[in-house]
Amino acid sequence: MKNSGHELEWEVALRKLSLQSRLRWNESLKRFNTWRIGGEARCLVDVENLKDLSRLLPFLKKHRLKWFLIGKGSNLLIPDSTWEGVIVHLSGDFKSWEPLEGGPMVRAGSSLADVTFVQRCVPKGWSGMEFMIGIPGTIGGAVATNAGAHGGETAEFLSRLTWMDLEGEVHENARQEFDFGYRFSELDARQGRILVSALFELRQTDAHSVRQKALECQRFRIEKQPYNQPSCGSVFKNPPGDHAARLIEASGLKGAVRGSAQISPKHSNFIVNLGGTRADDILWLMDLAQERVLKDHGRELIPEVQILQ
């Protein structure tokens, strides 16, 4: 329903919450995702602290609003049209980094960038998660999807998880209380569990060794992936016993173009934005890859990327 001032009732009510966090109305989402595409969101909230989040989530539930939690926006496809809902973007206090005394343990906020996490581990000689240097996401996304590379996964080093439910209540659980799998975890905003922070237990080695391992992971990404072009990272999950990139290339789709979107000539499981591409063009290439791989190899490609709907 609209009020006499042409604002929806929920919009008026949201303003009256008087959050410390900034409300951005009709905000372009292009800079909030790594593909650098998409239309506007009716409202984007830069949530600065735990108090504001504990007030916002019950508000969204009470008003039955469509909402979506976003970090750096990797592994996310945003449509070109206006998204009539609320984007929850964690910032401020959620970028925290708190080393614990007595061992190689650190509590990291959910919106801390993966690359920043690794960079801060290096001088301390904390090893184990160097693979995250090449993942263009945040701690929250890494936990929610159990992100991994180079034989490592996020869940291996998780100790405890602090999260909030849709009533605004904070919970803390041991990692063993949640299921984790290949690019999957139960700690997912879509299931009403919003990660606040995560406690990681790493391995104590030396700064030189950690730096070298991180550089190796970074060099691999630069050499094997379209590092300097906008993308979401891997588009599809690897089927058991095989690689999505190999199957797509074997189907002759390496370098395929639709509009300004391209299946990368460098890595076939990446779709890159050549400049000004549209979400529809990326979806077209995704559909093409799935159809051809199923026809040619009898293998189903399951998207790793989420589509904002």
Protein backbone atom coordinates (compact mmCIF):
# COMPACT_ATOMS: atom_id res chain seq x y z
CA MET A 1 0.00 0.00 0.00
CA LYS A 2 1.05 3.57 -0.67
CA ASN A 3 0.52 6.55 1.57
CA SER A 4 -0.56 9.98 0.40
CA GLY A 5 3.07 10.99 -0.23
CA HIS A 6 3.49 8.17 -2.80
CA GLU A 7 5.82 6.19 -0.53
CA LEU A 8 4.98 2.63 0.35
CA GLU A 9 4.01 2.13 3.97
CA TRP A 10 7.03 -0.05 4.65
CA GLU A 11 9.32 2.66 3.26
CA VAL A 12 7.89 5.20 5.70
CA ALA A 13 8.19 2.70 8.55
CA LEU A 14 11.80 1.91 7.63
CA ARG A 15 12.76 5.58 7.77
CA LYS A 16 11.14 5.81 11.19
CA LEU A 17 13.36 3.02 12.53
CA SER A 18 16.03 5.73 12.80
CA LEU A 19 18.89 3.35 12.20
CA GLN A 20 22.46 4.61 12.48
CA SER A 21 23.03 2.80 9.21
CA ARG A 22 22.60 4.54 5.88
CA LEU A 23 19.55 3.90 3.72
CA ARG A 24 20.22 4.15 -0.02
CA TRP A 25 17.07 4.48 -2.13
CA ASN A 26 16.95 3.38 -5.79
CA GLU A 27 20.60 2.39 -5.52
CA SER A 28 22.46 0.97 -8.51
CA LEU A 29 23.82 -2.47 -7.68
CA LYS A 30 26.60 -2.48 -10.29
CA ARG A 31 29.30 -1.61 -7.77
CA PHE A 32 27.97 -4.16 -5.27
CA ASN A 33 28.83 -7.22 -7.36
CA THR A 34 31.99 -8.47 -9.05
CA TRP A 35 30.34 -8.84 -12.48
CA ARG A 36 29.64 -5.06 -12.37
CA ILE A 37 26.16 -5.50 -13.81
CA GLY A 38 22.55 -5.19 -12.70
CA GLY A 39 19.81 -2.68 -12.13
CA GLU A 40 18.74 -0.77 -9.04
CA ALA A 41 17.45 -1.94 -5.67
CA ARG A 42 14.48 -0.11 -4.19
CA CYS A 43 16.49 0.16 -0.97
CA LEU A 44 19.98 -0.82 0.15
CA VAL A 45 20.89 -0.63 3.83
CA ASP A 46 24.57 -0.31 4.78
CA VAL A 47 24.26 -2.03 8.16
CA GLU A 48 26.99 -0.65 10.42
CA ASN A 49 26.54 -2.57 13.67
CA LEU A 50 24.90 -5.45 15.49
CA LYS A 51 22.22 -3.26 17.09
CA ASP A 52 20.96 -2.02 13.73
CA LEU A 53 20.95 -5.54 12.30
CA SER A 54 18.94 -6.78 15.28
CA ARG A 55 16.31 -4.12 14.54
CA LEU A 56 16.32 -4.45 10.76
CA LEU A 57 15.83 -8.22 10.45
CA PRO A 58 12.64 -8.38 12.57
CA PHE A 59 11.35 -5.36 10.60
CA LEU A 60 11.86 -7.20 7.31
CA LYS A 61 10.11 -10.27 8.68
CA LYS A 62 7.21 -8.28 10.16
CA HIS A 63 6.53 -6.47 6.87
CA ARG A 64 7.08 -9.65 4.82
CA LEU A 65 9.54 -7.85 2.62
CA LYS A 66 11.70 -9.39 -0.05
CA TRP A 67 15.32 -9.01 1.07
CA PHE A 68 18.77 -10.29 0.23
CA LEU A 69 22.07 -10.29 2.11
CA ILE A 70 25.06 -9.16 0.07
CA GLY A 71 28.79 -9.02 0.78
CA LYS A 72 31.16 -8.27 -2.09
CA GLY A 73 28.65 -9.72 -4.53
CA SER A 74 30.82 -12.49 -5.96
CA ASN A 75 28.91 -15.61 -7.04
CA LEU A 76 25.88 -13.37 -7.57
CA LEU A 77 23.96 -12.54 -10.75
CA ILE A 78 21.82 -9.41 -10.45
CA PRO A 79 19.04 -8.82 -13.01
CA ASP A 80 18.96 -5.70 -15.16
CA SER A 81 15.54 -4.63 -13.90
CA THR A 82 14.77 -2.79 -10.65
CA TRP A 83 14.71 -5.16 -7.68
CA GLU A 84 11.71 -4.28 -5.52
CA GLY A 85 13.11 -5.22 -2.14
CA VAL A 86 15.75 -4.46 0.46
CA ILE A 87 19.42 -5.30 0.02
CA VAL A 88 21.17 -5.85 3.37
CA HIS A 89 24.82 -4.88 3.00
CA LEU A 90 26.96 -5.50 6.09
CA SER A 91 29.80 -3.04 6.68
CA GLY A 92 31.31 -1.08 9.60
CA ASP A 93 31.70 -3.30 12.67
CA PHE A 94 31.21 -6.42 10.55
CA LYS A 95 34.71 -5.94 9.06
CA SER A 96 36.32 -6.72 12.41
CA TRP A 97 39.56 -8.68 12.98
CA GLU A 98 40.20 -9.82 16.56
CA PRO A 99 43.19 -12.14 17.22
CA LEU A 100 42.86 -14.21 20.39
CA GLU A 101 45.63 -14.64 22.90
CA GLY A 102 47.30 -17.99 23.36
CA GLY A 103 47.38 -19.36 19.85
CA PRO A 104 46.82 -18.90 16.12
CA MET A 105 43.12 -18.05 16.47
CA VAL A 106 41.20 -15.05 15.16
CA ARG A 107 37.60 -13.91 15.18
CA ALA A 108 36.75 -12.29 11.84
CA GLY A 109 33.67 -10.25 10.98
CA SER A 110 31.41 -11.55 8.23
CA SER A 111 32.07 -8.65 5.84
CA LEU A 112 35.87 -8.76 6.13
CA ALA A 113 37.32 -9.38 2.66
CA ASP A 114 38.93 -12.79 2.14
CA VAL A 115 42.09 -11.20 0.75
CA THR A 116 42.37 -8.92 3.81
CA PHE A 117 42.04 -11.95 6.08
CA VAL A 118 44.98 -13.65 4.38
CA GLN A 119 47.09 -10.48 4.33
CA ARG A 120 46.70 -10.13 8.09
CA CYS A 121 47.60 -13.77 8.68
CA VAL A 122 50.90 -13.47 6.80
CA PRO A 123 52.99 -11.45 9.32
CA LYS A 124 51.75 -13.67 12.16
CA GLY A 125 52.81 -16.84 10.36
CA TRP A 126 49.26 -18.24 10.53
CA SER A 127 48.84 -20.89 7.87
CA GLY A 128 45.95 -22.84 6.38
CA MET A 129 43.77 -20.35 4.55
CA GLU A 130 46.21 -18.93 2.04
CA PHE A 131 43.90 -20.25 -0.70
CA MET A 132 41.47 -17.41 0.08
CA ILE A 133 43.88 -14.84 -1.40
CA GLY A 134 42.31 -15.56 -4.79
CA ILE A 135 38.64 -15.59 -3.75
CA PRO A 136 36.93 -12.23 -4.39
CA GLY A 137 34.48 -12.48 -1.50
CA THR A 138 34.01 -12.00 2.23
CA ILE A 139 34.23 -14.22 5.30
CA GLY A 140 30.43 -14.44 5.39
CA GLY A 141 30.27 -15.71 1.83
CA ALA A 142 33.19 -18.07 2.41
CA VAL A 143 31.41 -19.66 5.38
CA ALA A 144 27.97 -19.77 3.73
CA THR A 145 29.30 -21.54 0.63
CA ASN A 146 32.23 -23.34 2.29
CA ALA A 147 34.47 -21.66 -0.26
CA GLY A 148 37.64 -23.42 -1.21
CA ALA A 149 40.52 -23.68 -3.66
CA HIS A 150 43.85 -25.48 -4.05
CA GLY A 151 42.62 -28.41 -1.97
CA GLY A 152 41.52 -26.31 1.02
CA GLU A 153 38.05 -25.44 2.33
CA THR A 154 36.83 -22.82 4.79
CA ALA A 155 35.14 -25.34 7.11
CA GLU A 156 38.47 -27.05 7.88
CA PHE A 157 39.59 -24.07 9.96
CA LEU A 158 36.31 -22.97 11.51
CA SER A 159 35.99 -23.31 15.27
CA ARG A 160 32.91 -21.32 16.31
CA LEU A 161 30.21 -19.31 14.55
CA THR A 162 28.25 -16.29 15.77
CA TRP A 163 25.03 -15.63 13.88
CA MET A 164 21.69 -13.83 14.13
CA ASP A 165 18.21 -15.15 13.41
CA LEU A 166 15.32 -13.20 11.88
CA GLU A 167 14.05 -12.28 15.34
CA GLY A 168 17.27 -10.36 15.95
CA GLU A 169 18.61 -12.89 18.48
CA VAL A 170 22.33 -13.73 18.50
CA HIS A 171 23.52 -17.33 18.73
CA GLU A 172 26.94 -18.95 19.02
CA ASN A 173 27.64 -22.52 17.98
CA ALA A 174 30.55 -24.84 17.47
CA ARG A 175 31.38 -25.56 13.86
CA GLN A 176 30.43 -29.24 14.39
CA GLU A 177 26.79 -28.25 15.02
CA PHE A 178 26.33 -27.34 11.35
CA ASP A 179 26.68 -29.45 8.22
CA PHE A 180 29.24 -28.39 5.63
CA GLY A 181 29.83 -29.89 2.22
CA TYR A 182 31.15 -29.03 -1.22
CA ARG A 183 30.16 -25.36 -1.73
CA PHE A 184 27.46 -25.78 0.92
CA SER A 185 26.77 -24.99 4.57
CA GLU A 186 23.71 -24.78 6.78
CA LEU A 187 24.76 -21.31 7.90
CA ASP A 188 22.93 -19.50 5.13
CA ALA A 189 20.96 -16.25 5.17
CA ARG A 190 18.33 -17.92 2.97
CA GLN A 191 17.67 -20.26 5.91
CA GLY A 192 17.36 -17.35 8.34
CA ARG A 193 20.91 -17.58 9.71
CA ILE A 194 22.99 -14.44 9.17
CA LEU A 195 26.65 -14.81 10.06
CA VAL A 196 27.98 -12.07 12.34
CA SER A 197 31.51 -13.40 12.86
CA ALA A 198 33.52 -16.61 12.73
CA LEU A 199 36.32 -17.92 14.92
CA PHE A 200 39.12 -19.59 12.98
CA GLU A 201 41.85 -21.88 14.34
CA LEU A 202 44.88 -21.83 12.08
CA ARG A 203 48.34 -23.44 12.07
CA GLN A 204 51.36 -21.63 13.51
CA THR A 205 54.27 -21.63 11.09
CA ASP A 206 56.37 -18.65 9.99
CA ALA A 207 55.63 -15.48 8.02
CA HIS A 208 57.91 -16.39 5.11
CA SER A 209 56.21 -19.74 4.50
CA VAL A 210 52.72 -18.25 4.65
CA ARG A 211 53.72 -15.41 2.32
CA GLN A 212 55.15 -17.86 -0.22
CA LYS A 213 52.05 -20.07 -0.14
CA ALA A 214 49.76 -17.04 -0.58
CA LEU A 215 51.88 -15.81 -3.50
CA GLU A 216 51.67 -19.24 -5.14
CA CYS A 217 47.87 -19.18 -4.88
CA GLN A 218 47.77 -15.64 -6.25
CA ARG A 219 50.08 -16.47 -9.16
CA PHE A 220 47.92 -19.46 -10.04
CA ARG A 221 44.86 -17.25 -10.25
CA ILE A 222 46.61 -14.65 -12.40
CA GLU A 223 47.97 -17.31 -14.77
CA LYS A 224 44.91 -19.56 -15.04
CA GLN A 225 41.91 -17.25 -14.54
CA PRO A 226 40.70 -13.97 -16.10
CA TYR A 227 42.01 -12.01 -13.13
CA ASN A 228 41.61 -8.53 -14.61
CA GLN A 229 38.11 -8.89 -16.07
CA PRO A 230 34.80 -8.58 -14.17
CA SER A 231 33.38 -12.00 -13.37
CA CYS A 232 31.64 -13.85 -10.54
CA GLY A 233 34.37 -16.46 -10.18
CA SER A 234 33.40 -20.03 -11.02
CA VAL A 235 29.93 -20.15 -12.58
CA PHE A 236 29.26 -23.87 -12.11
CA LYS A 237 30.13 -26.41 -9.44
CA ASN A 238 32.51 -29.15 -10.52
CA PRO A 239 30.62 -32.40 -11.17
CA PRO A 240 31.90 -35.38 -9.15
CA GLY A 241 35.12 -36.66 -10.65
CA ASP A 242 35.37 -33.97 -13.31
CA HIS A 243 35.74 -30.23 -13.88
CA ALA A 244 33.10 -27.90 -15.27
CA ALA A 245 35.74 -25.98 -17.24
CA ARG A 246 36.95 -29.14 -19.00
CA LEU A 247 33.42 -30.15 -19.97
CA ILE A 248 32.53 -26.70 -21.29
CA GLU A 249 35.75 -26.50 -23.31
CA ALA A 250 35.23 -30.03 -24.66
CA SER A 251 31.84 -28.87 -25.92
CA GLY A 252 33.55 -26.19 -27.99
CA LEU A 253 32.27 -23.24 -26.00
CA LYS A 254 35.54 -21.68 -24.84
CA GLY A 255 35.44 -18.04 -25.97
CA ALA A 256 31.74 -18.08 -26.90
CA VAL A 257 30.19 -14.60 -26.90
CA ARG A 258 26.69 -13.27 -26.35
CA GLY A 259 26.39 -9.49 -26.46
CA SER A 260 29.22 -8.23 -24.24
CA ALA A 261 29.40 -11.44 -22.17
CA GLN A 262 31.97 -14.12 -22.96
CA ILE A 263 32.89 -17.59 -21.75
CA SER A 264 36.48 -16.80 -20.91
CA PRO A 265 39.13 -18.03 -23.36
CA LYS A 266 41.41 -18.36 -20.33
CA HIS A 267 39.12 -20.48 -18.10
CA SER A 268 35.87 -21.95 -19.43
CA ASN A 269 34.08 -21.93 -16.06
CA PHE A 270 34.28 -18.13 -15.98
CA ILE A 271 31.94 -15.79 -17.82
CA VAL A 272 33.42 -12.31 -18.13
CA ASN A 273 31.93 -8.89 -18.69
CA LEU A 274 33.64 -7.38 -21.75
CA GLY A 275 32.04 -4.01 -20.99
CA GLY A 276 28.40 -3.05 -20.56
CA THR A 277 27.05 -6.59 -20.59
CA ARG A 278 23.55 -7.50 -19.43
CA ALA A 279 22.41 -10.20 -17.03
CA ASP A 280 20.28 -11.74 -19.79
CA ASP A 281 23.39 -12.32 -21.91
CA ILE A 282 25.15 -14.09 -19.04
CA LEU A 283 22.07 -16.25 -18.41
CA TRP A 284 21.97 -17.13 -22.10
CA LEU A 285 25.58 -18.37 -21.98
CA MET A 286 24.89 -20.30 -18.78
CA ASP A 287 21.90 -22.03 -20.39
CA LEU A 288 23.96 -22.78 -23.51
CA ALA A 289 26.76 -24.37 -21.45
CA GLN A 290 24.32 -26.50 -19.47
CA GLU A 291 22.47 -27.70 -22.60
CA ARG A 292 25.62 -28.53 -24.58
CA VAL A 293 27.42 -30.30 -21.73
CA LEU A 294 24.32 -32.40 -20.98
CA LYS A 295 23.94 -33.28 -24.67
CA ASP A 296 27.63 -33.97 -25.34
CA HIS A 297 28.72 -35.58 -22.07
CA GLY A 298 25.56 -36.53 -20.19
CA ARG A 299 26.70 -34.41 -17.21
CA GLU A 300 24.54 -31.84 -15.43
CA LEU A 301 26.17 -28.52 -14.60
CA ILE A 302 24.80 -27.05 -11.38
CA PRO A 303 25.26 -23.29 -10.98
CA GLU A 304 27.51 -22.13 -8.17
CA VAL A 305 26.33 -18.57 -8.77
CA GLN A 306 23.16 -17.32 -7.06
CA ILE A 307 20.58 -15.41 -9.09
CA LEU A 308 18.89 -12.48 -7.34
CA GLN A 309 15.15 -13.10 -7.79
